[in-house]
Protein backbone atom coordinates (compact mmCIF):
# COMPACT_ATOMS: atom_id res chain seq x y z
CA MET A 1 -0.14 -0.13 -0.29
CA LYS A 2 1.04 3.83 -0.84
CA GLU A 3 1.70 6.02 1.74
CA GLU A 4 -0.65 8.36 0.24
CA VAL A 5 -3.52 5.78 0.29
CA LEU A 6 -2.89 5.39 4.09
CA GLN A 7 -3.28 9.14 4.49
CA TYR A 8 -6.06 9.41 2.40
CA ILE A 9 -7.68 6.61 4.71
CA TRP A 10 -6.59 8.18 7.87
CA LYS A 11 -8.15 11.69 6.72
CA HIS A 12 -11.56 10.10 6.11
CA ARG A 13 -11.56 7.79 8.81
CA LEU A 14 -11.81 4.64 6.55
CA TYR A 15 -10.28 2.24 8.80
CA LYS A 16 -12.01 -0.19 11.31
CA GLU A 17 -12.45 0.74 15.02
CA PRO A 18 -11.46 0.44 17.94
CA LEU A 19 -7.70 1.37 17.63
CA VAL A 20 -5.26 0.16 20.16
CA THR A 21 -1.73 1.45 20.29
CA THR A 22 1.25 -1.39 20.02
CA ASP A 23 1.56 -1.06 23.66
CA GLY A 24 -2.09 -1.71 24.33
CA ASP A 25 -3.28 1.72 25.26
CA SER A 26 -7.06 2.59 23.53
CA VAL A 27 -7.43 5.40 21.18
CA GLU A 28 -9.73 7.69 20.20
CA ILE A 29 -9.52 10.11 17.21
CA ILE A 30 -11.45 13.37 18.27
CA ASN A 31 -9.99 15.18 15.10
CA PRO A 32 -7.68 13.36 12.50
CA GLY A 33 -5.91 16.88 12.03
CA MET A 34 -5.04 19.11 8.88
CA HIS A 35 -3.42 17.16 6.05
CA ASN A 36 -0.38 18.87 5.32
CA GLN A 37 0.93 19.31 1.92
CA SER A 38 4.40 20.47 2.65
CA ALA A 39 7.41 19.56 4.87
CA GLY A 40 6.84 18.30 8.28
CA PRO A 41 4.60 15.83 9.80
CA ASP A 42 1.77 14.75 7.44
CA PHE A 43 -1.11 15.98 9.93
CA PHE A 44 -1.07 19.10 12.24
CA ASN A 45 -3.31 20.14 15.18
CA ALA A 46 -5.13 16.66 15.40
CA THR A 47 -6.63 15.90 18.61
CA VAL A 48 -6.41 12.10 19.89
CA ARG A 49 -7.42 10.50 23.46
CA ILE A 50 -4.47 7.79 24.46
CA ASP A 51 -5.88 5.90 27.35
CA ARG A 52 -8.03 8.50 28.27
CA LEU A 53 -5.56 11.40 28.23
CA THR A 54 -6.46 13.66 25.46
CA TRP A 55 -3.45 15.25 23.13
CA VAL A 56 -2.99 17.85 20.89
CA GLY A 57 -0.62 17.88 18.04
CA ASN A 58 1.04 16.20 14.67
CA VAL A 59 0.34 12.86 13.49
CA GLU A 60 2.47 11.19 11.04
CA LEU A 61 1.47 8.36 8.86
CA HIS A 62 3.93 5.24 7.64
CA VAL A 63 3.46 1.81 5.25
CA LYS A 64 6.28 0.76 7.89
CA SER A 65 6.96 2.29 11.15
CA SER A 66 10.74 1.65 10.66
CA ASP A 67 10.34 4.30 7.44
CA TRP A 68 10.37 6.79 10.62
CA MET A 69 14.46 6.18 10.27
CA ARG A 70 14.66 5.70 6.52
CA HIS A 71 13.06 9.26 6.09
CA ASN A 72 15.60 10.81 8.79
CA HIS A 73 12.88 11.83 10.80
CA ASP A 74 15.17 10.68 13.75
CA ALA A 75 17.39 13.64 12.95
CA ASP A 76 14.65 16.12 12.18
CA GLY A 77 13.43 18.62 15.28
CA ARG A 78 9.80 19.24 13.59
CA TYR A 79 8.99 15.33 13.95
CA ASP A 80 9.84 15.89 18.00
CA ASN A 81 6.57 16.87 18.88
CA VAL A 82 4.38 13.93 16.97
CA ILE A 83 1.69 12.83 19.27
CA LEU A 84 0.75 9.46 17.06
CA HIS A 85 2.55 7.42 14.93
CA VAL A 86 0.12 5.87 12.32
CA VAL A 87 1.16 3.07 10.12
CA ALA A 88 -0.06 -0.31 8.35
CA GLU A 89 2.67 -2.58 9.80
CA ALA A 90 4.66 -1.98 12.81
CA ASP A 91 7.96 -3.61 12.71
CA GLU A 92 10.17 -1.38 14.98
CA ALA A 93 9.45 0.83 18.33
CA ILE A 94 10.26 4.61 17.10
CA LEU A 95 11.28 6.58 20.26
CA ARG A 96 11.91 10.24 20.38
CA LYS A 97 15.42 12.17 21.14
CA ASN A 98 14.78 11.55 25.00
CA GLY A 99 14.03 8.05 24.76
CA GLU A 100 10.59 8.13 24.72
CA ARG A 101 8.51 5.63 22.96
CA ILE A 102 6.17 7.27 20.33
CA PRO A 103 2.62 5.92 20.79
CA THR A 104 2.21 3.78 17.22
CA VAL A 105 -1.55 2.62 16.02
CA VAL A 106 -1.72 -0.11 13.40
CA LEU A 107 -4.26 1.01 11.02
CA ARG A 108 -6.96 -1.99 10.84
CA ILE A 109 -8.14 -1.34 6.80
CA SER A 110 -11.13 -3.45 5.64
CA ASP A 111 -9.98 -5.62 2.59
CA LYS A 112 -12.63 -4.32 0.51
CA ALA A 113 -10.91 -0.68 0.78
CA SER A 114 -7.87 -2.08 0.42
CA LYS A 115 -8.96 -3.92 -2.90
CA ILE A 116 -10.51 -0.51 -4.09
CA ALA A 117 -7.78 1.75 -3.45
CA GLN A 118 -5.61 -0.72 -5.07
CA ASP A 119 -7.29 -1.21 -8.34
CA ILE A 120 -8.06 2.35 -8.63
CA ALA A 121 -4.35 2.96 -8.48
CA SER A 122 -3.33 0.25 -11.22
CA SER A 123 -6.25 0.41 -13.31
CA PRO A 124 -5.35 1.39 -16.98
CA ALA A 125 -8.73 2.62 -17.78
CA ASP A 126 -8.99 6.69 -18.74
CA ILE A 127 -11.01 7.11 -15.75
CA LYS A 128 -9.62 4.76 -13.11
CA CYS A 129 -12.69 4.55 -10.71
CA SER A 130 -15.18 3.40 -14.00
CA GLN A 131 -14.85 -0.30 -12.93
CA TYR A 132 -16.96 0.83 -9.69
CA TRP A 133 -19.01 3.49 -11.20
CA LYS A 134 -22.61 3.97 -9.76
CA THR A 135 -25.37 5.98 -11.49
CA GLU A 136 -25.72 7.97 -8.18
CA PHE A 137 -22.19 9.65 -8.55
CA ILE A 138 -23.49 11.56 -11.34
CA SER A 139 -25.14 14.41 -8.85
CA ASP A 140 -21.89 14.75 -7.03
CA ILE A 141 -20.01 15.42 -9.94
CA ARG A 142 -22.78 17.98 -11.38
CA LEU A 143 -22.31 19.95 -7.67
CA ARG A 144 -18.91 19.61 -8.27
CA PHE A 145 -18.77 21.68 -12.06
CA SER A 146 -18.63 25.20 -10.32
CA ALA A 147 -15.66 24.17 -8.56
CA LEU A 148 -13.98 22.37 -11.40
CA LEU A 149 -14.63 24.97 -13.91
CA PHE A 150 -13.22 27.94 -11.36
CA GLU A 151 -9.86 25.69 -10.82
CA ARG A 152 -9.56 25.13 -15.05
CA MET A 153 -10.18 28.82 -15.41
CA LYS A 154 -8.03 30.37 -12.50
CA ARG A 155 -5.36 27.82 -13.81
CA ARG A 156 -5.37 28.46 -16.98
CA ALA A 157 -5.35 32.72 -16.05
CA ASP A 158 -2.16 31.84 -14.07
CA VAL A 159 -0.59 30.57 -17.44
CA LEU A 160 -1.75 33.73 -19.29
CA LEU A 161 -0.83 35.97 -16.76
CA GLN A 162 2.87 34.80 -16.30
CA ASN A 163 2.97 34.33 -20.01
CA ILE A 164 1.95 38.29 -20.41
CA LYS A 165 4.86 39.24 -18.09
CA ASN A 166 7.39 36.69 -19.32
CA LEU A 167 6.73 38.06 -23.18
CA ASN A 168 6.20 41.65 -21.89
CA THR A 169 3.42 41.64 -23.90
CA THR A 170 -0.30 43.27 -24.11
CA TRP A 171 -3.32 41.72 -23.80
CA ASP A 172 -4.51 42.31 -27.54
CA GLU A 173 -1.25 40.37 -28.28
CA MET A 174 -1.94 37.43 -25.89
CA LEU A 175 -5.68 37.26 -27.17
CA TYR A 176 -4.02 37.06 -31.07
CA ILE A 177 -1.77 34.30 -30.12
CA LEU A 178 -4.54 32.41 -28.28
CA ILE A 179 -6.87 32.77 -31.35
CA CYS A 180 -3.86 31.83 -33.99
CA ARG A 181 -3.27 28.92 -31.55
CA THR A 182 -7.00 27.98 -31.29
CA MET A 183 -7.28 28.15 -35.37
CA GLY A 184 -4.54 25.67 -35.41
CA GLY A 185 -6.35 22.92 -33.66
CA ASN A 186 -4.66 19.99 -32.42
CA VAL A 187 -2.21 19.59 -35.35
CA ASN A 188 -0.91 22.70 -36.40
CA GLN A 189 -1.47 24.81 -32.63
CA GLN A 190 2.42 25.23 -31.95
CA PRO A 191 3.37 26.55 -35.63
CA PHE A 192 0.73 28.81 -35.54
CA GLU A 193 1.77 30.25 -31.94
CA THR A 194 5.15 30.58 -33.40
CA LEU A 195 3.62 32.40 -36.76
CA ALA A 196 1.64 34.73 -34.24
CA GLN A 197 4.99 35.52 -32.26
CA ARG A 198 6.87 35.97 -35.56
CA VAL A 199 4.53 38.72 -36.97
CA PRO A 200 3.06 40.61 -33.66
CA LEU A 201 -0.18 42.85 -34.10
CA ASP A 202 2.36 46.05 -34.05
CA ILE A 203 3.80 44.91 -37.37
CA ILE A 204 0.71 44.02 -38.77
CA GLY A 205 -0.63 47.34 -37.53
CA LYS A 206 1.82 49.60 -40.04
CA LYS A 207 0.65 47.77 -42.86
CA ALA A 208 -3.11 47.05 -42.40
CA ASP A 209 -4.62 49.65 -44.73
CA GLU A 210 -5.08 46.92 -47.36
CA GLU A 211 -6.17 42.85 -46.88
CA TYR A 212 -3.43 41.51 -49.10
CA LYS A 213 -0.81 42.94 -46.76
CA ILE A 214 -1.65 41.31 -43.82
CA GLU A 215 -1.87 37.69 -45.85
CA ALA A 216 1.65 38.65 -47.32
CA LEU A 217 3.34 39.00 -43.75
CA LEU A 218 1.53 35.75 -42.42
CA TYR A 219 2.17 33.41 -45.29
CA GLY A 220 5.64 35.02 -45.95
CA ALA A 221 6.56 34.28 -42.22
CA ALA A 222 4.79 30.91 -42.57
CA GLY A 223 7.49 29.66 -44.90
CA MET A 224 4.28 29.01 -47.87
CA LEU A 225 5.36 31.59 -50.67
CA ASP A 226 7.52 29.13 -52.20
CA ASP A 227 4.66 27.43 -53.93
CA GLY A 228 2.50 28.47 -56.82
CA ASP A 229 3.56 31.18 -59.47
CA ASP A 230 0.11 33.00 -60.37
CA ASP A 231 -0.07 36.92 -60.09
CA TYR A 232 -1.33 36.84 -56.60
CA VAL A 233 1.26 34.95 -55.01
CA GLU A 234 4.04 36.90 -56.77
CA ARG A 235 2.33 40.03 -55.43
CA LEU A 236 2.25 38.54 -51.98
CA ARG A 237 6.40 37.55 -51.97
CA LEU A 238 7.07 40.99 -53.30
CA PHE A 239 5.62 42.74 -50.70
CA TYR A 240 6.58 39.93 -48.08
CA LYS A 241 10.42 40.63 -49.06
CA SER A 242 10.33 44.12 -48.58
CA ALA A 243 8.31 44.21 -45.36
CA SER A 244 10.53 41.10 -43.94
CA ALA A 245 13.56 43.57 -44.38
CA THR A 246 11.80 46.41 -42.97
CA PHE A 247 10.98 44.48 -39.77
CA ASP A 248 13.97 41.54 -39.74
CA ILE A 249 10.52 38.99 -39.90
CA LYS A 250 12.12 35.58 -39.23
CA ARG A 251 10.75 33.04 -41.63
CA MET A 252 9.57 29.83 -40.55
CA ASN A 253 10.26 26.35 -42.40
CA GLY A 254 7.33 25.71 -44.62
CA THR A 255 7.71 21.98 -43.80
CA GLU A 256 6.17 22.83 -39.68
CA TRP A 257 3.02 22.90 -41.61
CA ARG A 258 0.73 19.70 -41.29
CA TYR A 259 -1.95 19.01 -43.81
CA SER A 260 -2.69 15.39 -43.77
CA LYS A 261 -5.88 13.58 -42.50
CA MET A 262 -7.22 17.30 -42.27
CA ARG A 263 -10.54 18.36 -44.09
CA PRO A 264 -8.97 20.98 -46.97
CA PRO A 265 -11.43 23.66 -45.18
CA SER A 266 -9.28 23.23 -42.17
CA PHE A 267 -5.90 23.26 -44.01
CA PRO A 268 -3.34 26.35 -42.49
CA THR A 269 -3.47 28.40 -45.78
CA ILE A 270 -7.23 28.43 -45.23
CA ARG A 271 -6.87 29.59 -41.40
CA ILE A 272 -4.10 31.75 -41.70
CA SER A 273 -6.50 33.70 -44.55
CA GLN A 274 -9.33 33.64 -42.02
CA ILE A 275 -6.95 35.33 -39.49
CA SER A 276 -5.91 37.87 -41.75
CA GLN A 277 -10.01 38.76 -42.29
CA LEU A 278 -10.30 39.12 -38.35
CA LEU A 279 -7.21 41.28 -38.16
CA PHE A 280 -8.35 43.81 -40.89
CA ARG A 281 -11.78 43.79 -39.76
CA ARG A 282 -10.77 44.57 -36.34
CA LEU A 283 -7.00 44.61 -35.22
CA ARG A 284 -7.42 45.02 -31.82
CA MET A 285 -10.12 42.68 -30.51
CA PHE A 286 -9.56 42.74 -26.60
CA THR A 287 -10.92 46.12 -25.79
CA HIS A 288 -14.37 44.96 -27.67
CA ILE A 289 -14.50 41.68 -26.22
CA ILE A 290 -13.73 43.12 -22.49
CA ASP A 291 -16.43 45.94 -22.66
CA CYS A 292 -19.05 43.84 -24.53
CA CYS A 293 -21.95 42.29 -22.75
CA ASP A 294 -23.42 40.75 -25.67
CA ILE A 295 -22.38 37.22 -26.81
CA GLU A 296 -23.97 37.16 -30.04
CA ASP A 297 -21.89 40.43 -31.02
CA ILE A 298 -19.00 38.49 -30.02
CA LYS A 299 -19.57 35.56 -32.41
CA LYS A 300 -20.45 38.17 -34.85
CA MET A 301 -16.84 39.14 -34.87
CA PHE A 302 -15.69 35.64 -35.81
CA ASP A 303 -18.20 35.62 -38.56
CA VAL A 304 -15.34 35.91 -41.44
CA GLU A 305 -14.78 34.72 -44.92
CA VAL A 306 -11.70 33.74 -46.72
CA SER A 307 -9.78 36.54 -49.32
CA ASP A 308 -11.17 36.22 -53.18
CA TYR A 309 -7.88 34.09 -53.72
CA TRP A 310 -8.90 31.54 -51.50
CA LEU A 311 -12.52 31.08 -52.68
CA THR A 312 -11.46 28.77 -55.36
CA HIS A 313 -7.86 27.19 -53.81
CA TYR A 314 -6.77 25.48 -50.94
CA LYS A 315 -2.98 25.73 -51.21
CA PHE A 316 -1.20 28.23 -53.63
CA GLY A 317 -1.08 27.88 -57.59
CA LYS A 318 -3.61 24.91 -57.15
CA GLU A 319 -6.97 26.12 -58.29
CA SER A 320 -10.29 24.19 -57.29
CA LYS A 321 -13.95 24.58 -57.51
CA ALA A 322 -14.99 27.99 -55.87
CA ARG A 323 -16.73 27.60 -52.68
CA ASN A 324 -17.32 29.78 -49.27
CA LYS A 325 -14.78 29.38 -46.37
CA GLU A 326 -15.87 31.03 -43.39
CA ILE A 327 -15.15 30.04 -39.71
CA GLY A 328 -17.57 27.65 -39.11
CA THR A 329 -19.80 27.32 -36.12
CA GLU A 330 -17.67 24.78 -34.14
CA MET A 331 -14.26 26.59 -34.55
CA GLN A 332 -16.28 30.12 -33.68
CA ASN A 333 -17.06 27.81 -30.65
CA ALA A 334 -13.37 26.98 -30.14
CA LEU A 335 -12.28 30.23 -30.08
CA ILE A 336 -14.96 31.48 -27.50
CA ILE A 337 -14.12 28.69 -25.39
CA ASN A 338 -10.14 28.66 -25.72
CA ALA A 339 -9.43 32.62 -26.34
CA VAL A 340 -12.01 34.93 -25.57
CA ALA A 341 -13.37 33.34 -22.11
CA PRO A 342 -10.02 32.50 -20.83
CA VAL A 343 -8.99 36.18 -21.44
CA VAL A 344 -11.53 37.68 -19.87
CA PHE A 345 -11.58 35.60 -17.14
CA ALA A 346 -7.64 36.07 -16.73
CA TYR A 347 -8.49 39.76 -17.23
CA GLY A 348 -10.68 39.78 -13.94
CA VAL A 349 -8.20 38.05 -11.95
CA GLN A 350 -5.82 40.81 -12.86
CA THR A 351 -8.06 43.55 -12.20
CA ASN A 352 -9.29 41.89 -9.26
CA ASP A 353 -12.59 42.04 -10.69
CA ASN A 354 -15.42 39.20 -10.13
CA ARG A 355 -17.96 40.86 -12.47
CA LYS A 356 -15.43 39.95 -15.57
CA LYS A 357 -14.48 36.46 -13.92
CA GLU A 358 -18.40 35.63 -13.38
CA TRP A 359 -18.69 37.35 -17.61
CA ALA A 360 -16.44 34.53 -18.86
CA ILE A 361 -18.37 32.00 -17.02
CA GLU A 362 -21.65 33.16 -18.68
CA ILE A 363 -20.16 33.07 -21.96
CA LEU A 364 -19.05 29.54 -21.53
CA GLU A 365 -22.79 28.92 -20.70
CA THR A 366 -23.90 30.47 -23.89
CA VAL A 367 -21.85 27.90 -25.84
CA PRO A 368 -22.60 24.42 -27.03
CA ALA A 369 -20.44 21.35 -25.04
CA GLU A 370 -17.51 20.53 -26.68
CA ILE A 371 -17.47 16.58 -28.28
CA ASN A 372 -14.28 15.15 -27.88
CA ASN A 373 -12.80 12.02 -26.53
CA ILE A 374 -12.79 13.09 -23.02
CA THR A 375 -16.72 14.49 -22.55
CA LYS A 376 -17.40 10.89 -25.15
CA SER A 377 -15.67 8.80 -21.88
CA TRP A 378 -17.70 10.77 -19.40
CA ALA A 379 -21.02 10.00 -21.70
CA GLU A 380 -20.28 6.35 -21.28
CA LEU A 381 -21.08 6.72 -17.42
CA GLY A 382 -23.99 8.42 -18.27
CA ILE A 383 -22.94 12.12 -17.78
CA ASP A 384 -24.74 14.23 -20.38
CA VAL A 385 -22.84 17.74 -20.87
CA ARG A 386 -25.30 20.51 -21.67
CA ASP A 387 -22.99 23.57 -22.32
CA ALA A 388 -19.33 24.36 -22.66
CA SER A 389 -19.24 25.18 -19.09
CA GLU A 390 -19.84 21.52 -17.86
CA SER A 391 -17.72 20.37 -20.65
CA GLN A 392 -14.76 22.44 -19.40
CA ALA A 393 -15.43 21.03 -15.71
CA LEU A 394 -15.32 17.45 -16.66
CA ILE A 395 -12.00 18.12 -18.89
CA GLU A 396 -10.35 19.44 -15.67
CA LEU A 397 -11.52 16.86 -13.81
CA ARG A 398 -9.81 13.90 -16.30
CA LYS A 399 -6.69 16.26 -17.14
CA ASN A 400 -6.20 17.13 -13.66
CA TYR A 401 -7.40 14.07 -11.69
CA CYS A 402 -7.71 11.09 -13.59
CA ASP A 403 -4.68 11.62 -15.87
CA LYS A 404 -2.49 12.83 -13.37
CA SER A 405 -3.71 10.07 -10.90
CA ASN A 406 -5.04 12.13 -8.02
CA CYS A 407 -7.73 10.13 -7.40
CA LEU A 408 -7.46 10.73 -3.92
CA ARG A 409 -8.43 14.22 -4.03
CA CYS A 410 -11.51 13.33 -6.40
CA PRO A 411 -14.81 13.40 -3.67
CA ILE A 412 -16.19 10.25 -5.98
CA CYS A 413 -13.05 8.22 -5.07
CA HIS A 414 -13.92 8.76 -1.25
CA LYS A 415 -17.54 7.76 -2.07
CA ILE A 416 -16.57 4.47 -3.85
CA MET A 417 -13.87 4.06 -0.81
CA LYS A 418 -16.87 4.20 1.81
CA TYR A 419 -19.48 1.67 -0.28
C-alpha cells in the first residue's frame, strides 16, 4: 500500500475501530488533523485521546514504522512533537530523542477498501474508477462542476498572466496568440503560435490598410510563399520581401505545417486567410471583447470569410472549385472557449474584478458543450453535458485528476471507498 493511500484512509476515517496502540492503550480520534502538503509531519493539530488522556499535536503516517528512520525523521526536530505514529505495519519501535516511545497505531483497513484503492491505483482505464462507477455518482459530480470550472479557469488565467509578464506583451497580443493557437487545432497549434510571435500586432498594424498586405506578412513568415506562380502569389512575395527586410521578420520553415488527415477547409492556408480577415476587420479585439456584454456580438466578430483568392484555392497555385470558406460554427465556439473566455477571466483575476470572471463563465454557458474523447468517455458513464462550462469542468476533472492519478483528491473516490 502506498503512503498516500494510508493518509487518505486516515483523513477520511476509513479504518476499522476500535484503535489500540502497540502498547495496548486505547485510542480515540477526535480530530484527524489538517493534512499538510508541505515538509513536516503529515497532519497538523490533530486531537486524539490515548488511554483517557487528550493530546493535541501532529500525526505522522508510514507504511512501515521503520520508515521513520528511513526518512531520517529521527534527526529532524520537526518530528519531536508528533503525538501519534500511524502505520500499516509496526516492524520497529520508534523513540523520541529523549528515549520516550512514540505511541504507534496500526490501522486496520478492510480488505474491500484496500482492494478498491489498489484497483483504482493500478487501473489502465482513462477514468480509473470506472469499474466501480455507480449512477448516483453523477449528481455528486454535477455538484462539483462550478468548483472544477473555477479551478480550470484560474489555472489557465495564471498561465496567461505569467506569459504576458514573460513576453512583456499586451492583452491584445495575448488574445491574438490564443486565436492563432486555436485556429491551428490539435495538429497545427504550435506552428500557429510561432507565427503569431513572428508577426506581432504592432507590425501588422503598420501594414493593415489593405487585406493582401496582412496575408503577405503571415504567409511569408509561415514559409508558404515558395509554392505557386500565379499573379497573387507573386504580389504577396514582393510585398513580404520588402516588409520582412524592414521589420526583420524571421521566416518559418514551410515543412512545420501539417496537412495530412485534415479536411481541406481546415488547411493552415485557409486558416491564415481567415485570421487575416479577422485582423483586417478589427486589429485589436481585446477592448471590444472586454467591454462587450452581448455574446452574439462576440460571435459576429468571428463571422468572417477568406479573401477572394482562397475562394477557389486550398493551396497556392492549385485552383479548385469555388466555395465559401467561412469560420464555421464549431471553430467559432472553439475560439470563444479557448481564447475569449480565458482572456476575460484572466483579466478579471488581474484587475480583481469578479464581474469579469462571472462574465467569462456566462460566456461559456452560452456555447454548446465540446464533443471530444474526454466528454465522450464521461458520456459513457452517463454524464451528459449541456454547455461548454460543463464540458470544461469535465475536462478539468479528467486532466487534472484522472490523468494525473490524483484520485485521492477526488470526492468520487471517497464515495467509492465508503461503498
